[in-house]
Amino acid sequence: MHPILSSTFPDLKLLPGGTEAQIYFDLEGTERPLLSEDQDSVVIIENLVSETDVNNLQKIFNNSPNKETVSALGRKNEKIDNYAGSERLSIWAPNLSDQLYKLLQPFLKEREFNEFSRTDFWQEPLSYKWRPIGLSPLLRMMSYPPGALHLPHYDAAFIYPDARYRSLMSVLFYLSSHQNGGSTRILKDGQDMIPESLRKHQDRDSKAGQEEVLFKVSPKSGSVFLFDHRLYHDAEPCSEERILIRTDLVFEAI
């Protein structure tokens, strides 16, 4: 693991379900992961995490007494009328994040951004070229009960004290499969022709309509969805429990 990744320890008391986690199993991965989508800003890898791995990861969540309920915008101690959010466990687990990164690493590459790229590359020190170095050790495990959702929102970079290092992509490891509902949806926000440094990133307390959806990714257990932080997105409600791990891919300026 790159030393920068564990150099900034979060205040876990401020995070929903915040806790340190000792992981006593090794991820086995699969023999034939499949890169099914690769558009730089959006990457989908199927069959990356094995069924055994998925079951072990679910046990971490299910067996923890520290889970907390968050709003439909993922916030602690908040309620948004008419919308149910998820249960969340925020774990600091360097060993597990390093194992997950090793499964991902063969599919990752350097990125070259421009002023319209949908992520936070542009803050000083400005660089247009970045290379991935690892996953954040802060893993957010989420369970959406039937009917729960995540309203339209933007993610944002974590910029380390040494700003040459920052997260630029969101990473979702799906731990359950769903065909009817539960999709992660990338949404239109009408800002395509505005440079990223000038865009507004306002979360929303109402649902998006079908006409706002650019595309959606249906959860498949063991698959991974990576996308640039500042892509506007939400999560559909589902008729079943939907479980996933959300973390960040950290980059270094070149």
C-alpha atoms as a PDB file:
ATOM      1  CA  MET A   1       0.000   0.000   0.000  1.00  0.00           C
ATOM      2  CA  HIS A   2       1.217   3.486  -0.863  1.00  0.00           C
ATOM      3  CA  PRO A   3       2.099   5.276   2.434  1.00  0.00           C
ATOM      4  CA  ILE A   4       0.025   8.366   1.580  1.00  0.00           C
ATOM      5  CA  LEU A   5      -3.182   6.328   1.750  1.00  0.00           C
ATOM      6  CA  SER A   6      -2.985   5.647   5.483  1.00  0.00           C
ATOM      7  CA  SER A   7      -1.374   8.973   6.381  1.00  0.00           C
ATOM      8  CA  THR A   8      -4.634  10.813   7.155  1.00  0.00           C
ATOM      9  CA  PHE A   9      -6.780   9.010   9.720  1.00  0.00           C
ATOM     10  CA  PRO A  10     -10.432  10.143   9.780  1.00  0.00           C
ATOM     11  CA  ASP A  11     -12.416  11.017  12.897  1.00  0.00           C
ATOM     12  CA  LEU A  12     -14.577   7.909  12.828  1.00  0.00           C
ATOM     13  CA  LYS A  13     -16.991   9.319  15.417  1.00  0.00           C
ATOM     14  CA  LEU A  14     -18.193  11.802  12.788  1.00  0.00           C
ATOM     15  CA  LEU A  15     -18.939   9.109  10.206  1.00  0.00           C
ATOM     16  CA  PRO A  16     -22.067   6.933  10.145  1.00  0.00           C
ATOM     17  CA  GLY A  17     -21.163   3.599  11.685  1.00  0.00           C
ATOM     18  CA  GLY A  18     -17.526   4.650  11.961  1.00  0.00           C
ATOM     19  CA  THR A  19     -15.204   1.908  13.203  1.00  0.00           C
ATOM     20  CA  GLU A  20     -11.819   0.298  12.647  1.00  0.00           C
ATOM     21  CA  ALA A  21     -12.008  -3.213  11.224  1.00  0.00           C
ATOM     22  CA  GLN A  22      -9.553  -6.071  11.526  1.00  0.00           C
ATOM     23  CA  ILE A  23      -9.874  -8.334   8.489  1.00  0.00           C
ATOM     24  CA  TYR A  24      -8.858 -11.952   9.015  1.00  0.00           C
ATOM     25  CA  PHE A  25      -9.460 -13.395   5.560  1.00  0.00           C
ATOM     26  CA  ASP A  26      -7.786 -13.040   2.174  1.00  0.00           C
ATOM     27  CA  LEU A  27      -9.758 -12.185  -0.938  1.00  0.00           C
ATOM     28  CA  GLU A  28      -9.474 -14.863  -3.614  1.00  0.00           C
ATOM     29  CA  GLY A  29     -10.903 -12.978  -6.596  1.00  0.00           C
ATOM     30  CA  THR A  30     -11.935 -14.901  -9.699  1.00  0.00           C
ATOM     31  CA  GLU A  31     -10.125 -16.527 -12.608  1.00  0.00           C
ATOM     32  CA  ARG A  32     -11.930 -14.617 -15.353  1.00  0.00           C
ATOM     33  CA  PRO A  33     -12.912 -11.045 -14.492  1.00  0.00           C
ATOM     34  CA  LEU A  34     -14.356  -9.176 -17.459  1.00  0.00           C
ATOM     35  CA  LEU A  35     -13.797  -5.526 -18.389  1.00  0.00           C
ATOM     36  CA  SER A  36     -17.226  -4.828 -19.886  1.00  0.00           C
ATOM     37  CA  GLU A  37     -17.045  -1.012 -20.111  1.00  0.00           C
ATOM     38  CA  ASP A  38     -14.007   1.247 -20.387  1.00  0.00           C
ATOM     39  CA  GLN A  39     -14.633   4.889 -21.263  1.00  0.00           C
ATOM     40  CA  ASP A  40     -11.974   6.384 -18.947  1.00  0.00           C
ATOM     41  CA  SER A  41     -14.564   8.296 -16.904  1.00  0.00           C
ATOM     42  CA  VAL A  42     -16.731   5.170 -16.524  1.00  0.00           C
ATOM     43  CA  VAL A  43     -15.365   1.645 -16.004  1.00  0.00           C
ATOM     44  CA  ILE A  44     -17.294  -1.575 -15.305  1.00  0.00           C
ATOM     45  CA  ILE A  45     -15.592  -4.844 -14.355  1.00  0.00           C
ATOM     46  CA  GLU A  46     -17.761  -7.926 -13.981  1.00  0.00           C
ATOM     47  CA  ASN A  47     -16.958 -11.076 -11.999  1.00  0.00           C
ATOM     48  CA  LEU A  48     -14.066  -9.436 -10.127  1.00  0.00           C
ATOM     49  CA  VAL A  49     -14.993 -10.529  -6.601  1.00  0.00           C
ATOM     50  CA  SER A  50     -15.777 -14.198  -5.968  1.00  0.00           C
ATOM     51  CA  GLU A  51     -18.945 -15.513  -4.337  1.00  0.00           C
ATOM     52  CA  THR A  52     -16.897 -16.539  -1.290  1.00  0.00           C
ATOM     53  CA  ASP A  53     -15.428 -13.032  -1.074  1.00  0.00           C
ATOM     54  CA  VAL A  54     -18.909 -11.495  -1.367  1.00  0.00           C
ATOM     55  CA  ASN A  55     -20.215 -13.676   1.462  1.00  0.00           C
ATOM     56  CA  ASN A  56     -17.275 -12.753   3.706  1.00  0.00           C
ATOM     57  CA  LEU A  57     -17.730  -9.049   2.968  1.00  0.00           C
ATOM     58  CA  GLN A  58     -21.453  -9.248   3.709  1.00  0.00           C
ATOM     59  CA  LYS A  59     -20.643 -10.863   7.067  1.00  0.00           C
ATOM     60  CA  ILE A  60     -18.519  -7.848   8.050  1.00  0.00           C
ATOM     61  CA  PHE A  61     -21.556  -5.655   7.566  1.00  0.00           C
ATOM     62  CA  ASN A  62     -24.208  -7.977   8.952  1.00  0.00           C
ATOM     63  CA  ASN A  63     -22.238  -8.872  12.091  1.00  0.00           C
ATOM     64  CA  SER A  64     -21.310  -5.310  13.046  1.00  0.00           C
ATOM     65  CA  PRO A  65     -23.183  -3.622  15.921  1.00  0.00           C
ATOM     66  CA  ASN A  66     -22.062  -0.189  14.655  1.00  0.00           C
ATOM     67  CA  LYS A  67     -24.375   0.259  11.661  1.00  0.00           C
ATOM     68  CA  GLU A  68     -26.265   3.553  11.502  1.00  0.00           C
ATOM     69  CA  THR A  69     -29.127   4.801   9.357  1.00  0.00           C
ATOM     70  CA  VAL A  70     -28.436   7.722   7.014  1.00  0.00           C
ATOM     71  CA  SER A  71     -30.727   9.907   4.925  1.00  0.00           C
ATOM     72  CA  ALA A  72     -31.489   9.496   1.233  1.00  0.00           C
ATOM     73  CA  LEU A  73     -28.528  11.836   0.660  1.00  0.00           C
ATOM     74  CA  GLY A  74     -26.227   9.666   2.785  1.00  0.00           C
ATOM     75  CA  ARG A  75     -26.053  12.041   5.748  1.00  0.00           C
ATOM     76  CA  LYS A  76     -25.972  11.184   9.411  1.00  0.00           C
ATOM     77  CA  ASN A  77     -28.595  12.699  11.778  1.00  0.00           C
ATOM     78  CA  GLU A  78     -30.745  13.878   8.872  1.00  0.00           C
ATOM     79  CA  LYS A  79     -34.178  12.876   7.596  1.00  0.00           C
ATOM     80  CA  ILE A  80     -35.660  13.787   4.232  1.00  0.00           C
ATOM     81  CA  ASP A  81     -39.443  13.498   4.180  1.00  0.00           C
ATOM     82  CA  ASN A  82     -40.913  10.718   2.017  1.00  0.00           C
ATOM     83  CA  TYR A  83     -37.550   9.103   1.200  1.00  0.00           C
ATOM     84  CA  ALA A  84     -35.822   6.233   3.032  1.00  0.00           C
ATOM     85  CA  GLY A  85     -32.021   6.066   3.023  1.00  0.00           C
ATOM     86  CA  SER A  86     -29.574   3.277   3.765  1.00  0.00           C
ATOM     87  CA  GLU A  87     -27.873   1.621   6.707  1.00  0.00           C
ATOM     88  CA  ARG A  88     -24.177   2.381   6.696  1.00  0.00           C
ATOM     89  CA  LEU A  89     -20.963   1.098   8.207  1.00  0.00           C
ATOM     90  CA  SER A  90     -17.859   3.262   7.653  1.00  0.00           C
ATOM     91  CA  ILE A  91     -14.791   1.107   8.278  1.00  0.00           C
ATOM     92  CA  TRP A  92     -11.114   2.000   8.316  1.00  0.00           C
ATOM     93  CA  ALA A  93      -9.589  -1.152   6.851  1.00  0.00           C
ATOM     94  CA  PRO A  94      -6.214  -0.667   5.090  1.00  0.00           C
ATOM     95  CA  ASN A  95      -5.641  -4.395   4.653  1.00  0.00           C
ATOM     96  CA  LEU A  96      -8.999  -4.935   2.953  1.00  0.00           C
ATOM     97  CA  SER A  97      -8.741  -1.854   0.721  1.00  0.00           C
ATOM     98  CA  ASP A  98      -5.273  -2.975  -0.375  1.00  0.00           C
ATOM     99  CA  GLN A  99      -6.614  -6.425  -1.302  1.00  0.00           C
ATOM    100  CA  LEU A 100      -9.496  -4.909  -3.251  1.00  0.00           C
ATOM    101  CA  TYR A 101      -7.064  -2.622  -5.091  1.00  0.00           C
ATOM    102  CA  LYS A 102      -4.901  -5.574  -6.124  1.00  0.00           C
ATOM    103  CA  LEU A 103      -7.961  -7.144  -7.765  1.00  0.00           C
ATOM    104  CA  LEU A 104      -8.697  -3.871  -9.594  1.00  0.00           C
ATOM    105  CA  GLN A 105      -5.163  -2.876 -10.526  1.00  0.00           C
ATOM    106  CA  PRO A 106      -4.800  -4.853 -13.794  1.00  0.00           C
ATOM    107  CA  PHE A 107      -7.737  -2.871 -15.240  1.00  0.00           C
ATOM    108  CA  LEU A 108      -6.571   0.606 -14.234  1.00  0.00           C
ATOM    109  CA  LYS A 109      -4.525   3.095 -16.233  1.00  0.00           C
ATOM    110  CA  GLU A 110      -3.164   6.620 -16.172  1.00  0.00           C
ATOM    111  CA  ARG A 111      -5.668   9.354 -16.910  1.00  0.00           C
ATOM    112  CA  GLU A 112      -5.318  12.578 -18.868  1.00  0.00           C
ATOM    113  CA  PHE A 113      -7.966  15.195 -18.087  1.00  0.00           C
ATOM    114  CA  ASN A 114      -9.140  18.401 -19.738  1.00  0.00           C
ATOM    115  CA  GLU A 115     -11.066  21.409 -18.446  1.00  0.00           C
ATOM    116  CA  PHE A 116     -14.410  19.645 -18.970  1.00  0.00           C
ATOM    117  CA  SER A 117     -13.481  16.389 -17.190  1.00  0.00           C
ATOM    118  CA  ARG A 118     -15.919  15.518 -14.435  1.00  0.00           C
ATOM    119  CA  THR A 119     -13.598  15.340 -11.455  1.00  0.00           C
ATOM    120  CA  ASP A 120     -11.455  17.487  -9.152  1.00  0.00           C
ATOM    121  CA  PHE A 121      -8.122  17.374 -10.977  1.00  0.00           C
ATOM    122  CA  TRP A 122      -7.952  21.161 -11.469  1.00  0.00           C
ATOM    123  CA  GLN A 123      -7.143  22.451  -7.972  1.00  0.00           C
ATOM    124  CA  GLU A 124      -3.550  23.452  -7.275  1.00  0.00           C
ATOM    125  CA  PRO A 125      -1.067  22.033  -7.942  1.00  0.00           C
ATOM    126  CA  LEU A 126      -2.706  21.735 -11.366  1.00  0.00           C
ATOM    127  CA  SER A 127      -1.852  18.667 -13.402  1.00  0.00           C
ATOM    128  CA  TYR A 128      -3.686  17.168 -16.361  1.00  0.00           C
ATOM    129  CA  LYS A 129      -2.026  13.762 -16.010  1.00  0.00           C
ATOM    130  CA  TRP A 130      -2.648  11.435 -13.062  1.00  0.00           C
ATOM    131  CA  ARG A 131      -1.901   7.817 -12.203  1.00  0.00           C
ATOM    132  CA  PRO A 132      -3.854   5.579  -9.779  1.00  0.00           C
ATOM    133  CA  ILE A 133      -2.002   4.471  -6.650  1.00  0.00           C
ATOM    134  CA  GLY A 134      -4.615   2.706  -4.508  1.00  0.00           C
ATOM    135  CA  LEU A 135      -8.013   2.662  -2.870  1.00  0.00           C
ATOM    136  CA  SER A 136      -8.831   4.754   0.167  1.00  0.00           C
ATOM    137  CA  PRO A 137      -8.699   2.651   3.364  1.00  0.00           C
ATOM    138  CA  LEU A 138     -12.055   4.215   4.300  1.00  0.00           C
ATOM    139  CA  LEU A 139     -14.706   1.803   3.022  1.00  0.00           C
ATOM    140  CA  ARG A 140     -18.395   2.662   3.288  1.00  0.00           C
ATOM    141  CA  MET A 141     -20.532  -0.460   3.437  1.00  0.00           C
ATOM    142  CA  MET A 142     -24.176   0.261   2.607  1.00  0.00           C
ATOM    143  CA  SER A 143     -27.407  -1.685   2.778  1.00  0.00           C
ATOM    144  CA  TYR A 144     -30.510  -0.237   1.127  1.00  0.00           C
ATOM    145  CA  PRO A 145     -33.695  -1.908   2.414  1.00  0.00           C
ATOM    146  CA  PRO A 146     -36.571  -2.477  -0.032  1.00  0.00           C
ATOM    147  CA  GLY A 147     -37.851   0.861  -1.316  1.00  0.00           C
ATOM    148  CA  ALA A 148     -34.830   2.877  -0.136  1.00  0.00           C
ATOM    149  CA  LEU A 149     -32.838   5.057  -2.529  1.00  0.00           C
ATOM    150  CA  HIS A 150     -30.068   7.635  -2.851  1.00  0.00           C
ATOM    151  CA  LEU A 151     -31.202  10.963  -4.273  1.00  0.00           C
ATOM    152  CA  PRO A 152     -29.291  12.806  -7.066  1.00  0.00           C
ATOM    153  CA  HIS A 153     -25.906  14.032  -5.882  1.00  0.00           C
ATOM    154  CA  TYR A 154     -22.241  14.561  -6.703  1.00  0.00           C
ATOM    155  CA  ASP A 155     -19.256  12.947  -5.037  1.00  0.00           C
ATOM    156  CA  ALA A 156     -16.113  14.963  -4.340  1.00  0.00           C
ATOM    157  CA  ALA A 157     -12.367  14.479  -4.091  1.00  0.00           C
ATOM    158  CA  PHE A 158     -10.535  13.870  -0.859  1.00  0.00           C
ATOM    159  CA  ILE A 159      -7.411  15.999  -1.294  1.00  0.00           C
ATOM    160  CA  TYR A 160      -4.515  14.960   0.927  1.00  0.00           C
ATOM    161  CA  PRO A 161      -2.341  17.552   2.724  1.00  0.00           C
ATOM    162  CA  ASP A 162       0.167  16.888  -0.024  1.00  0.00           C
ATOM    163  CA  ALA A 163      -2.242  17.898  -2.797  1.00  0.00           C
ATOM    164  CA  ARG A 164      -0.382  15.927  -5.442  1.00  0.00           C
ATOM    165  CA  TYR A 165      -2.466  13.066  -4.060  1.00  0.00           C
ATOM    166  CA  ARG A 166      -6.267  13.042  -4.206  1.00  0.00           C
ATOM    167  CA  SER A 167      -9.209  10.795  -4.962  1.00  0.00           C
ATOM    168  CA  LEU A 168     -10.684  11.327  -8.426  1.00  0.00           C
ATOM    169  CA  MET A 169     -13.014   8.361  -9.007  1.00  0.00           C
ATOM    170  CA  SER A 170     -15.809   6.744  -7.003  1.00  0.00           C
ATOM    171  CA  VAL A 171     -15.767   2.949  -6.740  1.00  0.00           C
ATOM    172  CA  LEU A 172     -18.788   0.719  -6.082  1.00  0.00           C
ATOM    173  CA  PHE A 173     -18.295  -2.965  -5.285  1.00  0.00           C
ATOM    174  CA  TYR A 174     -21.695  -4.619  -5.650  1.00  0.00           C
ATOM    175  CA  LEU A 175     -22.467  -7.374  -3.133  1.00  0.00           C
ATOM    176  CA  SER A 176     -25.941  -8.244  -4.440  1.00  0.00           C
ATOM    177  CA  SER A 177     -27.596  -8.659  -7.856  1.00  0.00           C
ATOM    178  CA  HIS A 178     -30.749  -6.913  -9.087  1.00  0.00           C
ATOM    179  CA  GLN A 179     -32.428  -6.698 -12.490  1.00  0.00           C
ATOM    180  CA  ASN A 180     -35.519  -4.713 -11.527  1.00  0.00           C
ATOM    181  CA  GLY A 181     -34.469  -1.549  -9.727  1.00  0.00           C
ATOM    182  CA  GLY A 182     -31.456  -0.787  -7.570  1.00  0.00           C
ATOM    183  CA  SER A 183     -29.437   0.607 -10.494  1.00  0.00           C
ATOM    184  CA  THR A 184     -26.808   3.303 -10.155  1.00  0.00           C
ATOM    185  CA  ARG A 185     -27.869   5.964 -12.678  1.00  0.00           C
ATOM    186  CA  ILE A 186     -25.694   8.641 -14.283  1.00  0.00           C
ATOM    187  CA  LEU A 187     -27.809  11.758 -14.791  1.00  0.00           C
ATOM    188  CA  LYS A 188     -27.833  14.846 -16.985  1.00  0.00           C
ATOM    189  CA  ASP A 189     -27.126  18.113 -15.187  1.00  0.00           C
ATOM    190  CA  GLY A 190     -27.017  20.576 -18.108  1.00  0.00           C
ATOM    191  CA  GLN A 191     -23.400  21.602 -17.425  1.00  0.00           C
ATOM    192  CA  ASP A 192     -21.511  19.747 -20.170  1.00  0.00           C
ATOM    193  CA  MET A 193     -20.210  22.929 -21.801  1.00  0.00           C
ATOM    194  CA  ILE A 194     -19.098  24.541 -18.519  1.00  0.00           C
ATOM    195  CA  PRO A 195     -15.503  23.951 -17.338  1.00  0.00           C
ATOM    196  CA  GLU A 196     -15.382  21.713 -14.267  1.00  0.00           C
ATOM    197  CA  SER A 197     -13.880  24.452 -12.089  1.00  0.00           C
ATOM    198  CA  LEU A 198     -16.987  26.627 -12.721  1.00  0.00           C
ATOM    199  CA  ARG A 199     -19.721  23.999 -12.406  1.00  0.00           C
ATOM    200  CA  LYS A 200     -22.194  23.984  -9.525  1.00  0.00           C
ATOM    201  CA  HIS A 201     -22.383  20.746  -7.533  1.00  0.00           C
ATOM    202  CA  GLN A 202     -25.703  20.960  -5.711  1.00  0.00           C
ATOM    203  CA  ASP A 203     -27.266  17.824  -4.258  1.00  0.00           C
ATOM    204  CA  ARG A 204     -31.014  17.473  -4.591  1.00  0.00           C
ATOM    205  CA  ASP A 205     -33.844  16.480  -2.255  1.00  0.00           C
ATOM    206  CA  SER A 206     -36.167  15.157  -4.982  1.00  0.00           C
ATOM    207  CA  LYS A 207     -36.043  12.200  -7.367  1.00  0.00           C
ATOM    208  CA  ALA A 208     -34.773  12.396 -10.950  1.00  0.00           C
ATOM    209  CA  GLY A 209     -37.128  11.630 -13.827  1.00  0.00           C
ATOM    210  CA  GLN A 210     -36.454   9.042 -16.509  1.00  0.00           C
ATOM    211  CA  GLU A 211     -35.762  11.850 -19.009  1.00  0.00           C
ATOM    212  CA  GLU A 212     -32.745  12.871 -16.912  1.00  0.00           C
ATOM    213  CA  VAL A 213     -31.039   9.443 -17.080  1.00  0.00           C
ATOM    214  CA  LEU A 214     -28.015   9.126 -19.382  1.00  0.00           C
ATOM    215  CA  PHE A 215     -27.461   5.452 -18.565  1.00  0.00           C
ATOM    216  CA  LYS A 216     -27.729   3.080 -15.647  1.00  0.00           C
ATOM    217  CA  VAL A 217     -25.762   0.169 -14.234  1.00  0.00           C
ATOM    218  CA  SER A 218     -27.671  -2.766 -12.739  1.00  0.00           C
ATOM    219  CA  PRO A 219     -25.922  -4.291  -9.717  1.00  0.00           C
ATOM    220  CA  LYS A 220     -24.315  -7.684 -10.257  1.00  0.00           C
ATOM    221  CA  SER A 221     -22.826  -9.389  -7.244  1.00  0.00           C
ATOM    222  CA  GLY A 222     -19.025  -9.388  -7.563  1.00  0.00           C
ATOM    223  CA  SER A 223     -18.906  -6.601 -10.152  1.00  0.00           C
ATOM    224  CA  VAL A 224     -17.378  -3.124  -9.796  1.00  0.00           C
ATOM    225  CA  PHE A 225     -18.440   0.252 -11.175  1.00  0.00           C
ATOM    226  CA  LEU A 226     -15.918   3.136 -11.259  1.00  0.00           C
ATOM    227  CA  PHE A 227     -16.833   6.666 -12.354  1.00  0.00           C
ATOM    228  CA  ASP A 228     -15.454  10.194 -12.101  1.00  0.00           C
ATOM    229  CA  HIS A 229     -16.479  11.882  -8.842  1.00  0.00           C
ATOM    230  CA  ARG A 230     -18.343  14.810 -10.365  1.00  0.00           C
ATOM    231  CA  LEU A 231     -20.689  12.799 -12.570  1.00  0.00           C
ATOM    232  CA  TYR A 232     -24.206  13.503 -11.313  1.00  0.00           C
ATOM    233  CA  HIS A 233     -25.807  10.249 -10.144  1.00  0.00           C
ATOM    234  CA  ASP A 234     -28.370   8.546  -7.955  1.00  0.00           C
ATOM    235  CA  ALA A 235     -29.496   5.053  -6.888  1.00  0.00           C
ATOM    236  CA  GLU A 236     -32.903   3.661  -7.772  1.00  0.00           C
ATOM    237  CA  PRO A 237     -35.126   2.024  -5.164  1.00  0.00           C
ATOM    238  CA  CYS A 238     -35.272  -1.751  -5.296  1.00  0.00           C
ATOM    239  CA  SER A 239     -37.786  -4.353  -4.141  1.00  0.00           C
ATOM    240  CA  GLU A 240     -34.985  -6.279  -2.368  1.00  0.00           C
ATOM    241  CA  GLU A 241     -32.121  -5.421  -0.043  1.00  0.00           C
ATOM    242  CA  ARG A 242     -29.250  -3.884  -2.042  1.00  0.00           C
ATOM    243  CA  ILE A 243     -25.735  -4.176  -0.561  1.00  0.00           C
ATOM    244  CA  LEU A 244     -22.498  -2.566  -1.746  1.00  0.00           C
ATOM    245  CA  ILE A 245     -19.166  -1.080  -0.720  1.00  0.00           C
ATOM    246  CA  ARG A 246     -18.380   2.485  -1.751  1.00  0.00           C
ATOM    247  CA  THR A 247     -14.832   3.813  -1.701  1.00  0.00           C
ATOM    248  CA  ASP A 248     -12.502   6.124  -3.664  1.00  0.00           C
ATOM    249  CA  LEU A 249      -9.699   5.545  -6.148  1.00  0.00           C
ATOM    250  CA  VAL A 250      -6.743   7.741  -5.229  1.00  0.00           C
ATOM    251  CA  PHE A 251      -4.401   9.218  -7.845  1.00  0.00           C
ATOM    252  CA  GLU A 252      -0.992  10.884  -7.916  1.00  0.00           C
ATOM    253  CA  ALA A 253      -0.198  13.848 -10.184  1.00  0.00           C
ATOM    254  CA  ILE A 254       2.379  13.022 -12.839  1.00  0.00           C
END
